N, C-alpha and C. Protein backbone atom coordinates (compact mmCIF):
# COMPACT_ATOMS: atom_id res chain seq x y z
N MET A 1 8.48 23.20 12.86
CA MET A 1 7.55 22.33 13.54
C MET A 1 6.88 22.33 12.17
N ALA A 2 6.50 20.95 11.54
CA ALA A 2 5.18 20.48 10.89
C ALA A 2 4.20 20.12 11.31
N MET A 3 2.86 20.38 11.02
CA MET A 3 1.73 20.61 11.15
C MET A 3 1.10 19.52 10.10
N TYR A 4 0.41 18.86 10.50
CA TYR A 4 -0.85 17.81 9.79
C TYR A 4 -2.41 17.77 10.75
N VAL A 5 -3.15 18.03 9.93
CA VAL A 5 -4.46 18.05 10.18
C VAL A 5 -5.50 17.64 9.65
N ARG A 6 -6.08 16.75 9.73
CA ARG A 6 -7.09 16.23 8.87
C ARG A 6 -8.63 16.02 9.51
N ALA A 7 -9.47 16.23 8.41
CA ALA A 7 -11.20 16.21 9.26
C ALA A 7 -12.10 15.79 8.30
N VAL A 8 -12.90 15.20 8.88
CA VAL A 8 -13.67 13.91 8.14
C VAL A 8 -15.04 14.27 8.96
N LYS A 9 -15.96 14.82 7.71
CA LYS A 9 -17.43 14.82 7.49
C LYS A 9 -18.04 13.90 8.23
N ILE A 10 -18.94 14.04 9.50
CA ILE A 10 -19.74 12.79 10.49
C ILE A 10 -20.60 12.72 10.45
N ALA A 11 -21.37 13.94 9.93
CA ALA A 11 -22.82 14.41 10.32
C ALA A 11 -23.02 15.65 9.51
N GLU A 12 -24.39 15.66 8.75
CA GLU A 12 -24.57 16.99 7.81
C GLU A 12 -26.74 16.72 8.32
N ASP A 13 -26.95 18.07 8.87
CA ASP A 13 -28.25 17.87 8.72
C ASP A 13 -28.65 19.84 8.25
N ASP A 14 -29.99 20.06 8.34
CA ASP A 14 -30.44 21.10 7.67
C ASP A 14 -29.70 22.82 8.31
N ALA A 15 -28.88 22.35 9.74
CA ALA A 15 -29.04 23.32 10.59
C ALA A 15 -27.02 23.36 11.12
N SER A 16 -26.23 22.24 10.65
CA SER A 16 -24.78 22.22 11.08
C SER A 16 -24.27 21.04 10.37
N VAL A 17 -23.45 21.18 10.14
CA VAL A 17 -22.47 19.80 9.52
C VAL A 17 -21.11 20.00 11.18
N THR A 18 -21.02 17.69 11.02
CA THR A 18 -20.21 18.01 12.39
C THR A 18 -18.99 17.24 12.01
N TYR A 19 -17.94 18.12 12.06
CA TYR A 19 -16.33 16.53 11.58
C TYR A 19 -16.00 16.11 12.86
N ARG A 20 -14.66 15.53 12.75
CA ARG A 20 -13.97 14.69 13.20
C ARG A 20 -12.66 15.17 12.79
N TRP A 21 -11.80 15.68 13.61
CA TRP A 21 -10.64 16.14 13.11
C TRP A 21 -9.50 15.48 13.81
N GLY A 22 -8.42 15.34 13.22
CA GLY A 22 -7.04 14.67 14.03
C GLY A 22 -5.85 14.86 13.54
N LYS A 23 -4.61 14.91 14.45
CA LYS A 23 -3.47 15.01 13.67
C LYS A 23 -3.15 14.34 12.94
N HIS A 24 -3.49 13.21 12.25
CA HIS A 24 -3.35 11.62 11.69
C HIS A 24 -4.04 11.70 10.83
N TYR A 25 -3.93 10.28 10.07
CA TYR A 25 -5.08 10.10 9.26
C TYR A 25 -5.83 10.03 9.54
N GLU A 26 -6.06 8.86 11.06
CA GLU A 26 -6.97 8.69 11.54
C GLU A 26 -8.23 9.44 11.42
N ALA A 27 -7.98 10.88 11.98
CA ALA A 27 -8.97 11.82 12.17
C ALA A 27 -9.66 11.48 13.72
N GLU A 28 -9.32 11.18 14.79
CA GLU A 28 -9.77 10.71 16.16
C GLU A 28 -9.23 11.48 17.19
N ASP A 29 -9.25 12.62 17.51
CA ASP A 29 -8.49 13.60 18.26
C ASP A 29 -10.10 14.37 18.75
N GLY A 30 -10.84 14.79 18.26
CA GLY A 30 -12.03 15.72 18.40
C GLY A 30 -12.66 15.65 17.48
N THR A 31 -14.27 16.35 18.07
CA THR A 31 -14.92 17.17 16.63
C THR A 31 -15.30 18.84 17.22
N PHE A 32 -16.10 19.17 15.61
CA PHE A 32 -16.13 20.64 16.20
C PHE A 32 -17.34 20.47 15.20
N THR A 33 -18.33 21.53 14.83
CA THR A 33 -19.38 20.98 14.24
C THR A 33 -19.32 23.02 13.67
N ILE A 34 -19.90 22.89 12.80
CA ILE A 34 -20.26 23.85 12.15
C ILE A 34 -21.55 24.29 11.46
N PRO A 35 -22.47 25.91 12.02
CA PRO A 35 -23.85 26.20 11.69
C PRO A 35 -23.54 26.16 9.98
N LYS A 36 -24.82 25.86 9.37
CA LYS A 36 -25.15 26.25 8.47
C LYS A 36 -25.60 27.63 7.95
N LEU A 37 -24.87 28.40 8.07
CA LEU A 37 -24.55 29.80 7.91
C LEU A 37 -24.18 30.64 7.06
N PRO A 38 -23.89 31.80 6.41
CA PRO A 38 -23.20 32.19 5.19
C PRO A 38 -21.59 32.40 5.97
N PRO A 39 -20.62 32.12 5.19
CA PRO A 39 -19.51 31.85 5.50
C PRO A 39 -18.81 33.24 6.33
N GLU A 40 -19.17 34.48 6.02
CA GLU A 40 -18.94 35.79 6.70
C GLU A 40 -19.57 35.73 8.24
N GLN A 41 -21.15 35.45 8.24
CA GLN A 41 -21.62 35.56 9.50
C GLN A 41 -20.94 34.49 10.69
N ILE A 42 -20.62 33.17 10.04
CA ILE A 42 -19.51 32.25 10.94
C ILE A 42 -18.18 32.64 11.63
N ILE A 43 -18.40 34.23 10.69
CA ILE A 43 -16.33 34.36 10.49
C ILE A 43 -16.77 35.36 11.72
N SER A 44 -17.47 36.36 11.67
CA SER A 44 -18.09 37.39 12.34
C SER A 44 -19.19 37.03 13.43
N SER A 45 -19.38 36.27 13.46
CA SER A 45 -20.40 36.24 14.62
C SER A 45 -20.49 36.25 16.16
N GLY A 46 -18.91 36.68 16.75
CA GLY A 46 -18.49 36.67 17.77
C GLY A 46 -18.40 35.17 18.66
N ILE A 47 -18.46 34.32 18.27
CA ILE A 47 -18.42 33.25 18.75
C ILE A 47 -17.10 32.69 19.02
N LYS A 48 -15.91 32.26 19.94
CA LYS A 48 -14.63 31.90 20.32
C LYS A 48 -15.25 30.54 20.00
N ALA A 49 -13.59 30.40 19.30
CA ALA A 49 -13.14 29.26 18.60
C ALA A 49 -13.44 28.11 19.16
N LYS A 50 -13.79 28.05 20.88
CA LYS A 50 -13.71 26.78 22.06
C LYS A 50 -14.89 26.53 21.83
N ASP A 51 -16.31 27.66 21.59
CA ASP A 51 -17.40 27.51 21.31
C ASP A 51 -17.96 26.35 20.07
N TYR A 52 -17.20 26.59 19.14
CA TYR A 52 -17.20 26.05 18.06
C TYR A 52 -16.58 24.31 17.81
N GLY A 53 -15.74 24.17 19.43
CA GLY A 53 -15.50 22.99 19.79
C GLY A 53 -13.84 23.25 19.04
N LEU A 54 -13.44 24.01 18.39
CA LEU A 54 -11.50 24.04 18.26
C LEU A 54 -10.88 24.18 19.33
N ASN A 55 -9.54 24.07 18.95
CA ASN A 55 -8.01 24.55 19.69
C ASN A 55 -7.23 24.67 18.22
N PHE A 56 -5.91 25.11 18.47
CA PHE A 56 -4.76 25.50 17.97
C PHE A 56 -4.61 24.92 16.56
N TYR A 57 -4.66 23.52 17.10
CA TYR A 57 -4.90 22.12 16.06
C TYR A 57 -5.92 22.16 14.96
N SER A 58 -7.11 22.46 15.55
CA SER A 58 -8.06 22.54 14.08
C SER A 58 -8.65 23.56 13.81
N ALA A 59 -8.22 24.72 14.30
CA ALA A 59 -8.78 26.25 13.86
C ALA A 59 -8.15 26.14 12.42
N PRO A 60 -6.69 25.60 12.15
CA PRO A 60 -6.78 25.95 10.26
C PRO A 60 -7.29 25.08 9.36
N VAL A 61 -7.74 24.31 9.82
CA VAL A 61 -8.65 22.94 8.68
C VAL A 61 -9.64 23.77 9.06
N PHE A 62 -10.70 23.69 9.58
CA PHE A 62 -11.75 24.81 9.95
C PHE A 62 -11.89 26.29 9.36
N MET A 63 -10.68 26.43 9.30
CA MET A 63 -10.59 27.75 8.01
C MET A 63 -10.95 27.49 6.58
N LYS A 64 -9.66 26.53 6.43
CA LYS A 64 -10.22 25.60 5.43
C LYS A 64 -11.15 25.37 4.40
N ILE A 65 -11.87 24.74 5.27
CA ILE A 65 -13.38 24.91 5.61
C ILE A 65 -14.29 25.15 4.91
N ILE A 66 -14.26 26.55 5.71
CA ILE A 66 -15.21 27.57 5.84
C ILE A 66 -15.00 28.30 4.37
N ARG A 67 -13.64 28.49 3.65
CA ARG A 67 -13.44 29.14 2.69
C ARG A 67 -13.10 28.21 1.88
N TYR A 68 -13.42 27.11 1.01
CA TYR A 68 -14.30 25.77 0.76
C TYR A 68 -15.87 26.45 0.66
N TYR A 69 -16.12 26.03 1.43
CA TYR A 69 -17.69 26.84 1.55
C TYR A 69 -18.67 27.57 0.79
N GLU A 70 -17.80 28.72 1.46
CA GLU A 70 -17.37 30.66 0.74
C GLU A 70 -17.44 30.01 -0.62
N LYS A 71 -16.35 29.56 -1.00
CA LYS A 71 -16.05 29.19 -3.21
C LYS A 71 -17.28 28.03 -3.57
N ASN A 72 -17.75 27.25 -3.16
CA ASN A 72 -18.05 26.41 -3.65
C ASN A 72 -19.85 26.32 -2.91
N GLY A 73 -20.06 26.77 -1.71
CA GLY A 73 -21.21 26.65 -1.51
C GLY A 73 -22.01 25.31 -0.99
N THR A 74 -20.55 24.52 -0.82
CA THR A 74 -21.25 22.76 -0.22
C THR A 74 -19.74 22.91 0.76
N PHE A 75 -20.31 21.89 2.16
CA PHE A 75 -19.03 21.37 2.55
C PHE A 75 -18.31 19.82 2.13
N PRO A 76 -17.21 20.05 2.08
CA PRO A 76 -15.83 19.09 1.64
C PRO A 76 -15.91 17.79 2.81
N ASP A 77 -16.10 16.75 2.05
CA ASP A 77 -16.24 15.31 3.02
C ASP A 77 -15.21 15.41 3.63
N THR A 78 -13.87 15.58 3.49
CA THR A 78 -12.58 15.97 4.17
C THR A 78 -11.96 16.99 3.64
N MET A 79 -10.78 17.36 4.94
CA MET A 79 -10.09 18.06 4.44
C MET A 79 -8.89 18.17 5.47
N SER A 80 -7.80 18.87 4.49
CA SER A 80 -6.84 18.48 5.40
C SER A 80 -6.19 19.90 5.67
N PHE A 81 -4.56 20.09 6.42
CA PHE A 81 -3.93 21.40 6.37
C PHE A 81 -2.87 20.96 6.81
N GLN A 82 -1.99 21.44 6.11
CA GLN A 82 -0.74 21.01 6.27
C GLN A 82 0.36 22.32 6.23
N SER A 83 1.65 22.34 7.33
CA SER A 83 2.06 23.45 7.37
C SER A 83 3.33 23.09 7.70
């Protein structure tokens, strides 16, 4: 079974970044918010995936965004995950 998920940044402030995500190019299935913390704190903070607004579909693209943030120090405007 193939899966495609796309996330598009819709808001950014000093404390967090919000993405709209979807299982198609328009990315309109839901949203999730990432706090602007060091990447290792985001992953190991003890916050559950659903507290970020994540589910089975959005979690892989969320992790791809965190890896990008860890490597580049910025949040991407768009990111997709395909398996």
